[in-house]
Amino acid sequence: MVSSQRLKVAEAKFDRNITRARATNAKDKGSAQQKGLSVGPVVLGLMMFLILGSSLFELLRAFQSK
């Protein structure tokens, strides 16, 4: 009997925590969409240059070795 009461209290506490966590996640998700880009265009361009440039060099090296 005592264990079932403890179980009910624990379940209620868990449900409140889950509801609270969902509410905070929903707020965070909405604010992240309003912020826009999290990476600046210069950094994005640099990353694209590095990735595409390295793949281009790998392709050139592969064709030269044949």
C-alpha atoms as a PDB file:
ATOM      1  CA  MET A   1       0.000   0.000   0.000  1.00  0.00           C
ATOM      2  CA  VAL A   2       2.759   2.433   0.924  1.00  0.00           C
ATOM      3  CA  SER A   3       4.729   1.587  -2.200  1.00  0.00           C
ATOM      4  CA  SER A   4       1.733   2.296  -4.445  1.00  0.00           C
ATOM      5  CA  GLN A   5       1.356   5.736  -2.837  1.00  0.00           C
ATOM      6  CA  ARG A   6       5.038   6.418  -3.400  1.00  0.00           C
ATOM      7  CA  LEU A   7       4.673   5.260  -6.970  1.00  0.00           C
ATOM      8  CA  LYS A   8       1.739   7.623  -7.561  1.00  0.00           C
ATOM      9  CA  VAL A   9       3.674  10.544  -6.083  1.00  0.00           C
ATOM     10  CA  ALA A  10       6.738   9.698  -8.190  1.00  0.00           C
ATOM     11  CA  GLU A  11       4.626   9.442 -11.362  1.00  0.00           C
ATOM     12  CA  ALA A  12       2.973  12.798 -10.662  1.00  0.00           C
ATOM     13  CA  LYS A  13       6.369  14.417 -10.088  1.00  0.00           C
ATOM     14  CA  PHE A  14       7.708  12.877 -13.308  1.00  0.00           C
ATOM     15  CA  ASP A  15       4.696  14.118 -15.286  1.00  0.00           C
ATOM     16  CA  ARG A  16       5.168  17.665 -13.975  1.00  0.00           C
ATOM     17  CA  ASN A  17       8.849  17.598 -14.888  1.00  0.00           C
ATOM     18  CA  ILE A  18       8.132  16.323 -18.409  1.00  0.00           C
ATOM     19  CA  THR A  19       5.461  18.971 -18.942  1.00  0.00           C
ATOM     20  CA  ARG A  20       7.825  21.681 -17.743  1.00  0.00           C
ATOM     21  CA  ALA A  21      10.653  20.414 -19.956  1.00  0.00           C
ATOM     22  CA  ARG A  22       8.418  20.365 -23.019  1.00  0.00           C
ATOM     23  CA  ALA A  23       7.308  23.920 -22.331  1.00  0.00           C
ATOM     24  CA  THR A  24      10.881  25.206 -22.066  1.00  0.00           C
ATOM     25  CA  ASN A  25      11.949  23.315 -25.205  1.00  0.00           C
ATOM     26  CA  ALA A  26       9.081  24.851 -27.153  1.00  0.00           C
ATOM     27  CA  LYS A  27      10.131  28.340 -26.018  1.00  0.00           C
ATOM     28  CA  ASP A  28      13.756  27.716 -26.964  1.00  0.00           C
ATOM     29  CA  LYS A  29      12.827  26.352 -30.370  1.00  0.00           C
ATOM     30  CA  GLY A  30      10.713  29.390 -31.180  1.00  0.00           C
ATOM     31  CA  SER A  31      13.384  31.846 -30.145  1.00  0.00           C
ATOM     32  CA  ALA A  32      16.022  30.011 -32.197  1.00  0.00           C
ATOM     33  CA  GLN A  33      13.903  30.379 -35.324  1.00  0.00           C
ATOM     34  CA  GLN A  34      13.518  34.103 -34.724  1.00  0.00           C
ATOM     35  CA  LYS A  35      17.265  34.660 -34.388  1.00  0.00           C
ATOM     36  CA  GLY A  36      17.938  33.674 -37.991  1.00  0.00           C
ATOM     37  CA  LEU A  37      21.366  32.487 -39.070  1.00  0.00           C
ATOM     38  CA  SER A  38      23.598  31.286 -36.287  1.00  0.00           C
ATOM     39  CA  VAL A  39      26.697  31.407 -38.541  1.00  0.00           C
ATOM     40  CA  GLY A  40      27.771  34.510 -40.371  1.00  0.00           C
ATOM     41  CA  PRO A  41      27.966  34.564 -44.154  1.00  0.00           C
ATOM     42  CA  VAL A  42      31.763  34.992 -44.109  1.00  0.00           C
ATOM     43  CA  VAL A  43      32.263  31.894 -41.967  1.00  0.00           C
ATOM     44  CA  LEU A  44      29.798  29.949 -44.105  1.00  0.00           C
ATOM     45  CA  GLY A  45      31.641  31.005 -47.269  1.00  0.00           C
ATOM     46  CA  LEU A  46      34.987  30.014 -45.770  1.00  0.00           C
ATOM     47  CA  MET A  47      33.691  26.582 -44.802  1.00  0.00           C
ATOM     48  CA  MET A  48      32.226  26.021 -48.273  1.00  0.00           C
ATOM     49  CA  PHE A  49      35.524  27.119 -49.867  1.00  0.00           C
ATOM     50  CA  LEU A  50      37.493  24.692 -47.716  1.00  0.00           C
ATOM     51  CA  ILE A  51      35.163  21.752 -48.296  1.00  0.00           C
ATOM     52  CA  LEU A  52      34.717  22.257 -52.026  1.00  0.00           C
ATOM     53  CA  GLY A  53      38.377  23.148 -52.558  1.00  0.00           C
ATOM     54  CA  SER A  54      39.631  20.056 -50.768  1.00  0.00           C
ATOM     55  CA  SER A  55      37.278  17.820 -52.729  1.00  0.00           C
ATOM     56  CA  LEU A  56      38.460  19.438 -55.976  1.00  0.00           C
ATOM     57  CA  PHE A  57      42.107  18.777 -55.063  1.00  0.00           C
ATOM     58  CA  GLU A  58      41.282  15.160 -54.205  1.00  0.00           C
ATOM     59  CA  LEU A  59      39.603  14.697 -57.596  1.00  0.00           C
ATOM     60  CA  LEU A  60      42.591  16.241 -59.393  1.00  0.00           C
ATOM     61  CA  ARG A  61      44.979  13.993 -57.503  1.00  0.00           C
ATOM     62  CA  ALA A  62      42.871  10.928 -58.333  1.00  0.00           C
ATOM     63  CA  PHE A  63      42.800  11.741 -62.056  1.00  0.00           C
ATOM     64  CA  GLN A  64      46.525  12.452 -62.189  1.00  0.00           C
ATOM     65  CA  SER A  65      47.444   9.142 -60.580  1.00  0.00           C
ATOM     66  CA  LYS A  66      45.647   7.108 -63.283  1.00  0.00           C
END
